[in-house]
């Protein structure tokens, strides 16, 4: 069977998989009875479903294709920037039970809602505006990764990167807009098994066979790829990942959707543990590609995001290649739909209903579905402008991490945090982070570092100075309830 036939067969498999995803979203739409069903799935998910959803979400297009591309081009940097996110997710897993309990007790379903309850409308709107753009940028990184795969396979029959990006957006829109978090999580469960079997087990195993075994792989390994090193840019990425997890709205949404706080904690910890294992498998796929695919992935495909799909095509036979690429698409889409839904919720419920509090549920649901289309188009435009998943992700995450990470933690745990303090922290973090980037990142230091420091100083100083004159309502839970 020649290469052209192989590409056509793989495209058929991928197309069938995309149809299944869309059909699942359309079927699950019957579960959506109200807006709580749409945004937090009726707070009904147990630990196993949450584990699959959490794992599928955090190992997205940037986490798989983007990070493997970093390993391919920059070696050990892929490990250094993955470990802080893992640590941050374990910390967040410990927080998730409290988030779930606060959600139940105070009918809160998002970080902006928590900010409004504690700090008022101004703090809520500032956070929501930053959050909506950040989530849209993250969806764009998934569009980029999906378009890269589709264009790789469809190049010979005229499917370009741009056409692949449009196809990706259409699929994201249909099953996210129709069924909300129910559709997102049920597809995540399917995607979790696809990615484990056909990506994280099949591709590394086939790659080892192709290289002649572990001893041959090690003897031919370029030592530069596994030599630890660090620089200011990496430090910036480390801080971004670590702080971002405190305010990662997609994980807060999962915690709010848990049926109880024990399910939230258990599901988060299990999903994070699986992610920890995949870090090293992704790193391996990035560096083994040099021995199997060669050193010209960037020149051949236009982006190092293509490393994992190129590796799959090189080491797997017909049929299994299509299933592996469908598995990679699973990883990407599970992240895209999660971030798209958070962005929709932020725009419609957290911003829209602030100004139109009497909005009826039917109208809110309609606007949510319309917003899913509009935000997907925005993500498409970003993806067409910056055709690299990792770069888009770090652009979107850096200023949000600097501005919102510590304020989110303070909103949940610090009784003395005040509205002026939270607003000062967010504004200071944003201004310093963006200013640092515009200044060309002096000393080679990533902008999230000075931004986070500025946020912390302003948040603590202003809160302590205003805690008596501007007290906030602390949405706490007692120790007996939190241990329950």
Protein backbone atom coordinates (compact mmCIF):
# COMPACT_ATOMS: atom_id res chain seq x y z
CA UNK A 1 0.00 0.00 0.00
CA UNK A 2 1.51 3.30 -1.02
CA UNK A 3 1.74 6.46 1.07
CA UNK A 4 -1.20 8.13 -0.68
CA UNK A 5 -3.49 5.20 0.21
CA UNK A 6 -2.18 5.24 3.76
CA UNK A 7 -3.09 8.90 4.11
CA UNK A 8 -6.58 8.35 2.74
CA UNK A 9 -7.25 5.43 5.10
CA UNK A 10 -6.01 7.43 8.09
CA UNK A 11 -8.19 10.36 7.10
CA UNK A 12 -11.20 8.03 6.94
CA UNK A 13 -10.48 6.75 10.46
CA UNK A 14 -10.02 10.28 11.80
CA UNK A 15 -13.16 11.51 10.04
CA UNK A 16 -15.15 8.64 11.56
CA UNK A 17 -13.82 9.51 14.98
CA UNK A 18 -14.78 13.17 14.59
CA UNK A 19 -18.29 12.12 13.53
CA UNK A 20 -18.57 9.98 16.70
CA UNK A 21 -17.56 12.97 18.84
CA UNK A 22 -20.11 15.23 17.19
CA UNK A 23 -22.83 12.57 17.50
CA UNK A 24 -22.04 12.08 21.19
CA UNK A 25 -22.37 15.80 21.80
CA UNK A 26 -25.73 15.88 20.01
CA UNK A 27 -27.05 12.85 21.95
CA UNK A 28 -25.94 14.18 25.34
CA UNK A 29 -27.70 17.50 24.72
CA UNK A 30 -30.86 15.86 26.10
CA UNK A 31 -29.28 15.88 29.56
CA UNK A 32 -29.12 19.70 29.56
CA UNK A 33 -32.20 20.91 31.43
CA UNK A 34 -30.85 24.18 32.88
CA UNK A 35 -27.71 26.31 33.06
CA UNK A 36 -26.23 24.37 35.99
CA UNK A 37 -26.41 21.29 33.75
CA UNK A 38 -24.70 23.23 30.95
CA UNK A 39 -21.84 24.69 33.01
CA UNK A 40 -21.25 22.23 35.89
CA UNK A 41 -23.24 19.17 34.72
CA UNK A 42 -25.61 19.33 37.68
CA UNK A 43 -22.67 18.80 40.10
CA UNK A 44 -23.00 15.07 39.45
CA UNK A 45 -19.61 13.61 38.56
CA UNK A 46 -17.85 10.93 40.57
CA UNK A 47 -14.07 10.40 40.96
CA UNK A 48 -13.54 8.06 37.98
CA UNK A 49 -15.26 10.36 35.49
CA UNK A 50 -13.43 13.35 36.96
CA UNK A 51 -10.11 11.51 36.79
CA UNK A 52 -10.56 10.77 33.09
CA UNK A 53 -11.72 14.32 32.38
CA UNK A 54 -8.91 15.96 34.36
CA UNK A 55 -6.25 13.80 32.75
CA UNK A 56 -7.64 14.26 29.24
CA UNK A 57 -7.87 18.02 29.75
CA UNK A 58 -4.37 18.73 31.08
CA UNK A 59 -2.65 16.55 28.48
CA UNK A 60 -3.82 18.71 25.59
CA UNK A 61 -2.39 19.75 22.25
CA UNK A 62 0.16 21.98 23.94
CA UNK A 63 0.87 19.39 26.63
CA UNK A 64 1.47 16.60 24.10
CA UNK A 65 2.41 18.04 20.72
CA UNK A 66 3.73 21.36 22.01
CA UNK A 67 5.83 19.85 24.81
CA UNK A 68 7.12 17.02 22.61
CA UNK A 69 8.14 19.74 20.16
CA UNK A 70 9.99 21.51 22.99
CA UNK A 71 11.77 18.24 23.87
CA UNK A 72 12.68 17.79 20.21
CA UNK A 73 14.11 21.29 19.83
CA UNK A 74 15.26 22.18 23.37
CA UNK A 75 15.74 18.88 25.17
CA UNK A 76 15.51 18.98 28.96
CA UNK A 77 13.46 22.19 28.98
CA UNK A 78 10.39 19.99 28.39
CA UNK A 79 10.94 18.28 31.76
CA UNK A 80 11.81 21.46 33.66
CA UNK A 81 8.59 23.17 32.60
CA UNK A 82 6.35 20.10 33.11
CA UNK A 83 7.33 19.31 36.70
CA UNK A 84 6.11 22.67 38.13
CA UNK A 85 2.72 22.16 36.51
CA UNK A 86 2.58 18.68 38.04
CA UNK A 87 3.44 20.11 41.47
CA UNK A 88 0.88 22.86 41.03
CA UNK A 89 -1.81 20.33 40.08
CA UNK A 90 -1.09 18.28 43.22
CA UNK A 91 -1.46 21.46 45.30
CA UNK A 92 -4.69 22.27 43.48
CA UNK A 93 -5.94 18.72 44.07
CA UNK A 94 -5.63 19.42 47.79
CA UNK A 95 -7.65 22.63 47.29
CA UNK A 96 -10.35 20.99 45.18
CA UNK A 97 -12.37 19.62 48.10
CA UNK A 98 -12.72 23.09 49.57
CA UNK A 99 -13.67 24.49 46.16
CA UNK A 100 -16.37 21.84 45.80
CA UNK A 101 -17.75 22.55 49.28
CA UNK A 102 -17.80 26.34 48.70
CA UNK A 103 -19.62 25.71 45.42
CA UNK A 104 -22.33 23.65 47.10
CA UNK A 105 -22.76 25.87 50.15
CA UNK A 106 -22.78 29.23 48.35
CA UNK A 107 -24.08 28.20 44.88
CA UNK A 108 -20.83 29.27 43.23
CA UNK A 109 -19.82 27.73 39.89
CA UNK A 110 -16.82 29.82 38.72
CA UNK A 111 -13.88 31.84 40.03
CA UNK A 112 -15.46 35.18 38.97
CA UNK A 113 -18.59 34.27 40.96
CA UNK A 114 -16.42 33.63 44.01
CA UNK A 115 -14.74 37.01 43.48
CA UNK A 116 -18.10 38.74 43.26
CA UNK A 117 -19.30 37.16 46.51
CA UNK A 118 -16.14 38.21 48.35
CA UNK A 119 -14.92 41.34 46.62
CA UNK A 120 -17.75 42.81 44.53
CA UNK A 121 -18.55 43.42 40.86
CA UNK A 122 -15.43 45.34 39.88
CA UNK A 123 -13.08 42.53 40.93
CA UNK A 124 -15.34 40.03 39.19
CA UNK A 125 -15.39 41.91 35.86
CA UNK A 126 -11.61 42.48 35.83
CA UNK A 127 -10.92 38.79 36.46
CA UNK A 128 -13.58 37.65 33.98
CA UNK A 129 -12.20 39.82 31.17
CA UNK A 130 -8.69 38.40 31.64
CA UNK A 131 -10.06 34.89 31.97
CA UNK A 132 -12.13 35.03 28.78
CA UNK A 133 -9.15 36.11 26.67
CA UNK A 134 -6.84 33.54 28.30
CA UNK A 135 -9.26 30.69 27.66
CA UNK A 136 -9.75 31.78 24.04
CA UNK A 137 -5.97 31.83 23.58
CA UNK A 138 -5.74 28.33 25.03
CA UNK A 139 -8.41 27.10 22.61
CA UNK A 140 -6.32 28.65 19.83
CA UNK A 141 -3.34 26.50 20.86
CA UNK A 142 -5.52 23.40 20.43
CA UNK A 143 -6.79 24.61 17.05
CA UNK A 144 -3.15 24.99 15.97
CA UNK A 145 -2.26 21.45 17.06
CA UNK A 146 -5.33 19.94 15.36
CA UNK A 147 -4.72 21.87 12.14
CA UNK A 148 -1.13 20.62 12.08
CA UNK A 149 -2.26 16.98 12.15
CA UNK A 150 -5.01 17.42 9.56
CA UNK A 151 -2.74 19.32 7.16
CA UNK A 152 0.01 16.68 7.54
CA UNK A 153 -2.38 13.94 6.50
CA UNK A 154 -4.40 15.86 3.97
CA UNK A 155 -1.67 17.79 2.20
CA UNK A 156 -1.71 15.59 -0.89
CA UNK A 157 -5.46 16.01 -1.39
CA UNK A 158 -5.42 19.75 -0.85
CA UNK A 159 -6.19 20.15 2.88
CA UNK A 160 -4.04 23.05 4.09
CA UNK A 161 -3.20 24.16 7.61
CA UNK A 162 -5.89 26.85 7.31
CA UNK A 163 -8.52 24.32 6.18
CA UNK A 164 -7.52 22.03 9.05
CA UNK A 165 -7.98 24.89 11.52
CA UNK A 166 -11.49 25.55 10.20
CA UNK A 167 -12.40 21.84 10.48
CA UNK A 168 -11.12 21.81 14.08
CA UNK A 169 -13.24 24.84 14.99
CA UNK A 170 -16.40 23.33 13.50
CA UNK A 171 -16.01 20.15 15.57
CA UNK A 172 -15.25 22.10 18.76
CA UNK A 173 -18.30 24.29 18.22
CA UNK A 174 -20.81 21.50 17.60
CA UNK A 175 -20.28 19.29 20.62
CA UNK A 176 -19.33 22.04 23.07
CA UNK A 177 -22.11 24.45 22.10
CA UNK A 178 -24.84 21.82 22.08
CA UNK A 179 -24.31 19.92 25.34
CA UNK A 180 -22.02 22.00 27.56
CA UNK A 181 -20.06 20.23 30.32
CA UNK A 182 -22.08 17.02 29.94
CA UNK A 183 -20.84 16.69 26.35
CA UNK A 184 -17.33 17.81 27.30
CA UNK A 185 -16.89 15.28 30.10
CA UNK A 186 -18.50 12.32 28.34
CA UNK A 187 -16.27 12.88 25.32
CA UNK A 188 -13.32 13.29 27.71
CA UNK A 189 -13.89 9.76 29.04
CA UNK A 190 -13.76 8.37 25.48
CA UNK A 191 -10.74 10.51 24.70
CA UNK A 192 -8.91 9.42 27.84
CA UNK A 193 -8.92 5.76 26.76
CA UNK A 194 -8.02 6.69 23.19
CA UNK A 195 -4.97 8.67 24.25
CA UNK A 196 -3.71 6.11 26.79
CA UNK A 197 -3.97 3.12 24.45
CA UNK A 198 -3.07 4.56 21.07
CA UNK A 199 -0.70 7.41 22.02
CA UNK A 200 1.04 6.92 25.35
CA UNK A 201 1.43 3.13 25.07
CA UNK A 202 1.48 2.37 21.35
CA UNK A 203 3.75 5.09 19.95
CA UNK A 204 6.60 4.81 22.54
CA UNK A 205 6.55 1.00 22.31
CA UNK A 206 6.68 1.04 18.50
CA UNK A 207 9.44 3.68 18.63
CA UNK A 208 11.61 1.48 20.85
CA UNK A 209 11.15 -1.43 18.43
CA UNK A 210 12.08 0.85 15.52
CA UNK A 211 15.31 1.97 17.21
CA UNK A 212 16.32 -1.61 17.98
CA UNK A 213 15.62 -1.57 21.70
CA UNK A 214 16.52 0.54 24.70
CA UNK A 215 20.27 -0.11 24.48
CA UNK A 216 20.47 1.05 20.84
CA UNK A 217 18.33 4.08 21.66
CA UNK A 218 20.64 5.10 24.50
CA UNK A 219 23.81 4.50 22.51
CA UNK A 220 22.55 6.81 19.74
CA UNK A 221 21.10 9.44 22.08
CA UNK A 222 22.35 13.01 21.67
CA UNK A 223 23.59 13.95 25.20
CA UNK A 224 22.59 17.60 24.63
CA UNK A 225 18.94 16.55 24.65
CA UNK A 226 19.09 15.11 28.20
CA UNK A 227 21.56 17.53 29.80
CA UNK A 228 19.83 19.69 32.46
CA UNK A 229 20.09 23.45 31.99
CA UNK A 230 18.15 26.53 32.99
CA UNK A 231 17.80 30.13 31.85
CA UNK A 232 15.57 33.13 32.50
CA UNK A 233 13.02 32.10 29.92
CA UNK A 234 12.63 28.67 31.52
CA UNK A 235 12.30 30.25 34.97
CA UNK A 236 9.46 32.36 33.58
CA UNK A 237 7.71 29.28 32.21
CA UNK A 238 8.18 27.43 35.51
CA UNK A 239 6.54 30.24 37.49
CA UNK A 240 3.77 30.51 34.88
CA UNK A 241 2.84 26.84 35.16
CA UNK A 242 3.10 26.74 38.95
CA UNK A 243 1.04 29.87 39.61
CA UNK A 244 -1.47 29.25 36.81
CA UNK A 245 -2.74 26.08 38.49
CA UNK A 246 -4.05 28.17 41.41
CA UNK A 247 -6.50 29.92 39.07
CA UNK A 248 -6.90 27.35 36.28
CA UNK A 249 -10.60 27.96 35.61
CA UNK A 250 -11.09 24.65 33.79
CA UNK A 251 -10.02 22.73 36.93
CA UNK A 252 -12.13 24.93 39.22
CA UNK A 253 -15.05 24.05 36.96
CA UNK A 254 -14.29 20.32 37.37
CA UNK A 255 -14.18 20.74 41.16
CA UNK A 256 -17.52 22.57 41.12
CA UNK A 257 -19.00 19.74 38.98
CA UNK A 258 -18.04 16.99 41.46
CA UNK A 259 -20.89 15.38 43.36
CA UNK A 260 -19.06 15.95 46.66
CA UNK A 261 -15.69 17.13 47.92
CA UNK A 262 -14.28 13.60 48.33
CA UNK A 263 -15.01 12.88 44.66
CA UNK A 264 -13.36 16.19 43.71
CA UNK A 265 -10.17 15.42 45.63
CA UNK A 266 -9.90 11.80 44.54
CA UNK A 267 -10.60 12.55 40.88
CA UNK A 268 -8.10 15.43 40.82
CA UNK A 269 -5.34 13.43 42.51
CA UNK A 270 -5.81 10.42 40.22
CA UNK A 271 -5.87 12.53 37.04
CA UNK A 272 -2.76 14.44 38.15
CA UNK A 273 -0.91 11.19 38.93
CA UNK A 274 -1.58 9.87 35.42
CA UNK A 275 -0.33 13.16 33.99
CA UNK A 276 2.90 12.72 35.99
CA UNK A 277 3.61 9.44 34.18
CA UNK A 278 2.93 10.94 30.76
CA UNK A 279 5.52 13.72 31.26
CA UNK A 280 8.37 11.28 30.68
CA UNK A 281 6.61 9.49 27.83
CA UNK A 282 6.12 12.81 26.00
CA UNK A 283 9.78 13.70 26.60
CA UNK A 284 10.82 10.31 25.23
CA UNK A 285 8.72 10.77 22.09
CA UNK A 286 10.28 14.18 21.51
CA UNK A 287 13.88 13.00 21.73
CA UNK A 288 13.48 9.60 20.02
CA UNK A 289 12.05 11.45 17.00
CA UNK A 290 15.61 12.62 16.17
CA UNK A 291 16.63 9.01 15.57
CA UNK A 292 13.52 7.97 13.64
CA UNK A 293 12.10 11.05 11.89
CA UNK A 294 15.33 13.05 11.58
CA UNK A 295 16.40 16.59 12.39
CA UNK A 296 14.31 18.46 9.82
CA UNK A 297 10.78 18.34 11.26
CA UNK A 298 10.62 22.14 11.47
CA UNK A 299 11.77 22.56 7.87
CA UNK A 300 9.50 19.81 6.59
CA UNK A 301 6.28 20.65 8.42
CA UNK A 302 6.72 24.28 9.48
CA UNK A 303 6.37 23.56 13.22
CA UNK A 304 7.89 21.26 15.82
CA UNK A 305 4.29 20.54 16.89
CA UNK A 306 4.39 17.92 14.12
CA UNK A 307 6.92 15.71 15.95
CA UNK A 308 4.49 13.24 17.55
CA UNK A 309 2.23 12.78 14.50
CA UNK A 310 5.31 12.42 12.28
CA UNK A 311 6.64 9.80 14.70
CA UNK A 312 3.33 7.91 14.61
CA UNK A 313 3.35 7.86 10.81
CA UNK A 314 6.96 6.63 10.78
CA UNK A 315 6.64 3.76 13.28
CA UNK A 316 3.09 2.44 12.94
CA UNK A 317 1.50 0.33 10.20
CA UNK A 318 -1.60 1.28 8.22
CA UNK A 319 -4.73 1.41 10.37
CA UNK A 320 -2.88 1.77 13.65
CA UNK A 321 -1.52 5.07 12.35
CA UNK A 322 -5.04 6.39 11.93
CA UNK A 323 -6.04 5.20 15.41
CA UNK A 324 -2.95 6.81 16.96
CA UNK A 325 -3.62 10.10 15.19
CA UNK A 326 -7.25 9.93 16.32
CA UNK A 327 -5.86 9.41 19.83
CA UNK A 328 -3.72 12.53 19.47
CA UNK A 329 -6.78 14.43 18.32
CA UNK A 330 -8.52 13.10 21.45
CA UNK A 331 -5.93 14.76 23.62
CA UNK A 332 -6.24 18.05 21.81
CA UNK A 333 -10.01 18.18 21.71
CA UNK A 334 -10.47 17.26 25.34
CA UNK A 335 -8.52 20.38 26.23
CA UNK A 336 -10.12 22.61 23.58
CA UNK A 337 -13.69 21.86 24.62
CA UNK A 338 -12.91 22.44 28.31
CA UNK A 339 -11.34 25.85 27.77
CA UNK A 340 -13.98 26.87 25.25
CA UNK A 341 -16.75 26.10 27.73
CA UNK A 342 -15.02 28.10 30.48
CA UNK A 343 -14.63 31.03 28.11
CA UNK A 344 -18.34 30.84 27.20
CA UNK A 345 -19.37 30.70 30.86
CA UNK A 346 -17.17 33.68 31.65
CA UNK A 347 -18.58 35.84 28.85
CA UNK A 348 -22.26 34.97 29.25
CA UNK A 349 -22.78 34.23 32.94
CA UNK A 350 -19.94 36.07 34.68
CA UNK A 351 -19.96 39.20 32.50
CA UNK A 352 -23.32 39.20 30.72
CA UNK A 353 -25.49 38.41 33.73
CA UNK A 354 -23.64 40.99 35.82
CA UNK A 355 -25.10 43.70 33.61
CA UNK A 356 -28.36 41.87 32.81
CA UNK A 357 -29.18 40.00 36.04
CA UNK A 358 -32.76 39.23 34.97
CA UNK A 359 -31.69 37.24 31.91
CA UNK A 360 -33.91 34.16 31.52
CA UNK A 361 -32.33 30.69 31.35
CA UNK A 362 -33.55 30.07 27.80
CA UNK A 363 -31.89 33.26 26.61
CA UNK A 364 -28.73 32.48 28.58
CA UNK A 365 -28.49 29.02 27.02
CA UNK A 366 -29.01 30.48 23.53
CA UNK A 367 -26.38 33.17 24.14
CA UNK A 368 -23.98 30.53 25.47
CA UNK A 369 -24.26 28.55 22.25
CA UNK A 370 -23.86 31.67 20.12
CA UNK A 371 -20.86 32.70 22.21
CA UNK A 372 -19.26 29.29 21.66
CA UNK A 373 -19.30 30.04 17.93
CA UNK A 374 -17.95 33.58 18.28
CA UNK A 375 -15.14 32.60 20.66
CA UNK A 376 -14.15 29.67 18.44
CA UNK A 377 -13.80 32.07 15.50
CA UNK A 378 -11.62 34.31 17.69
CA UNK A 379 -9.46 31.32 18.58
CA UNK A 380 -9.25 30.44 14.89
CA UNK A 381 -7.91 33.90 14.05
CA UNK A 382 -5.24 33.63 16.78
CA UNK A 383 -4.27 30.16 15.54
CA UNK A 384 -3.88 31.43 11.97
CA UNK A 385 -1.62 34.25 13.20
CA UNK A 386 0.61 32.25 15.60
CA UNK A 387 1.08 28.76 14.19
CA UNK A 388 2.77 27.17 17.23
CA UNK A 389 0.78 25.58 20.07
CA UNK A 390 3.35 26.07 22.84
CA UNK A 391 3.97 29.73 21.99
CA UNK A 392 0.25 30.51 21.95
CA UNK A 393 -0.26 28.75 25.27
CA UNK A 394 2.53 30.59 27.06
CA UNK A 395 1.38 33.92 25.62
CA UNK A 396 -2.14 33.32 26.95
CA UNK A 397 -1.12 31.89 30.31
CA UNK A 398 1.69 34.22 31.36
CA UNK A 399 -0.25 37.41 32.11
CA UNK A 400 -3.22 35.47 33.55
CA UNK A 401 -0.96 33.51 35.91
CA UNK A 402 0.75 36.71 37.08
CA UNK A 403 -2.55 38.53 37.58
CA UNK A 404 -4.95 35.87 38.86
CA UNK A 405 -3.03 32.97 40.44
CA UNK A 406 -2.37 34.45 43.89
CA UNK A 407 -5.67 36.40 44.06
CA UNK A 408 -7.61 33.14 43.44
CA UNK A 409 -5.73 31.42 46.25
CA UNK A 410 -6.33 34.41 48.54
CA UNK A 411 -10.05 34.45 47.70
CA UNK A 412 -10.35 30.88 48.86
CA UNK A 413 -8.13 30.93 51.96
CA UNK A 414 -7.14 34.42 53.20
CA UNK A 415 -9.74 36.11 55.40
CA UNK A 416 -7.95 39.48 55.34
CA UNK A 417 -7.99 39.79 51.54
CA UNK A 418 -10.02 42.85 50.52
CA UNK A 419 -11.54 44.15 47.29
CA UNK A 420 -8.96 46.99 46.97
CA UNK A 421 -6.16 44.49 47.65
CA UNK A 422 -7.38 41.96 45.09
CA UNK A 423 -7.92 44.63 42.43
CA UNK A 424 -4.50 46.18 43.13
CA UNK A 425 -2.89 42.74 42.87
CA UNK A 426 -4.56 41.86 39.57
CA UNK A 427 -3.86 45.22 37.97
CA UNK A 428 -0.23 45.30 39.19
CA UNK A 429 0.42 41.75 37.99
CA UNK A 430 -1.06 42.48 34.57
CA UNK A 431 0.70 45.83 34.04
CA UNK A 432 4.12 44.57 35.14
CA UNK A 433 3.84 41.33 33.14
CA UNK A 434 2.76 43.05 29.92
CA UNK A 435 5.28 45.88 30.45
CA UNK A 436 8.07 43.36 31.00
CA UNK A 437 7.16 41.59 27.76
CA UNK A 438 7.03 44.85 25.81
CA UNK A 439 10.44 45.77 27.23
CA UNK A 440 11.87 42.62 25.67
CA UNK A 441 12.05 40.63 28.93
CA UNK A 442 15.17 42.19 30.54
CA UNK A 443 17.86 39.78 31.78
CA UNK A 444 16.13 37.08 29.73
CA UNK A 445 13.66 36.55 32.59
CA UNK A 446 10.12 35.44 31.74
CA UNK A 447 7.49 38.12 32.38
CA UNK A 448 5.43 35.99 34.77
CA UNK A 449 8.11 36.23 37.48
CA UNK A 450 8.11 40.03 38.00
CA UNK A 451 4.37 40.11 37.35
CA UNK A 452 3.66 37.58 40.11
CA UNK A 453 5.97 39.39 42.54
CA UNK A 454 4.23 42.72 41.83
CA UNK A 455 0.83 41.07 42.27
CA UNK A 456 1.83 39.55 45.63
CA UNK A 457 3.25 42.80 47.00
CA UNK A 458 0.23 44.87 45.97
CA UNK A 459 -2.31 42.28 47.11
CA UNK A 460 -0.82 41.83 50.59
CA UNK A 461 0.10 45.48 51.21
CA UNK A 462 -3.23 46.96 50.11
CA UNK A 463 -5.30 44.24 51.80
CA UNK A 464 -3.54 44.75 55.14
CA UNK A 465 -3.96 48.52 54.81
CA UNK A 466 -7.69 48.25 54.03
CA UNK A 467 -8.85 45.13 55.91
CA UNK A 468 -10.59 47.25 58.57
CA UNK A 469 -12.12 49.84 56.28
CA UNK A 470 -13.07 47.39 53.48
CA UNK A 471 -13.79 44.00 55.08
CA UNK A 472 -14.88 41.24 52.72
CA UNK A 473 -17.27 38.33 53.29
CA UNK A 474 -15.18 35.18 53.72
CA UNK A 475 -16.85 32.17 52.07
CA UNK A 476 -15.29 29.60 54.35
CA UNK A 477 -16.35 26.16 55.53
CA UNK A 478 -15.94 24.79 59.01
CA UNK A 479 -13.36 22.09 59.73
CA UNK A 480 -15.96 19.37 60.30
CA UNK A 481 -17.60 20.04 56.92
CA UNK A 482 -14.26 20.24 55.12
CA UNK A 483 -13.18 16.88 56.57
CA UNK A 484 -16.51 15.23 55.72
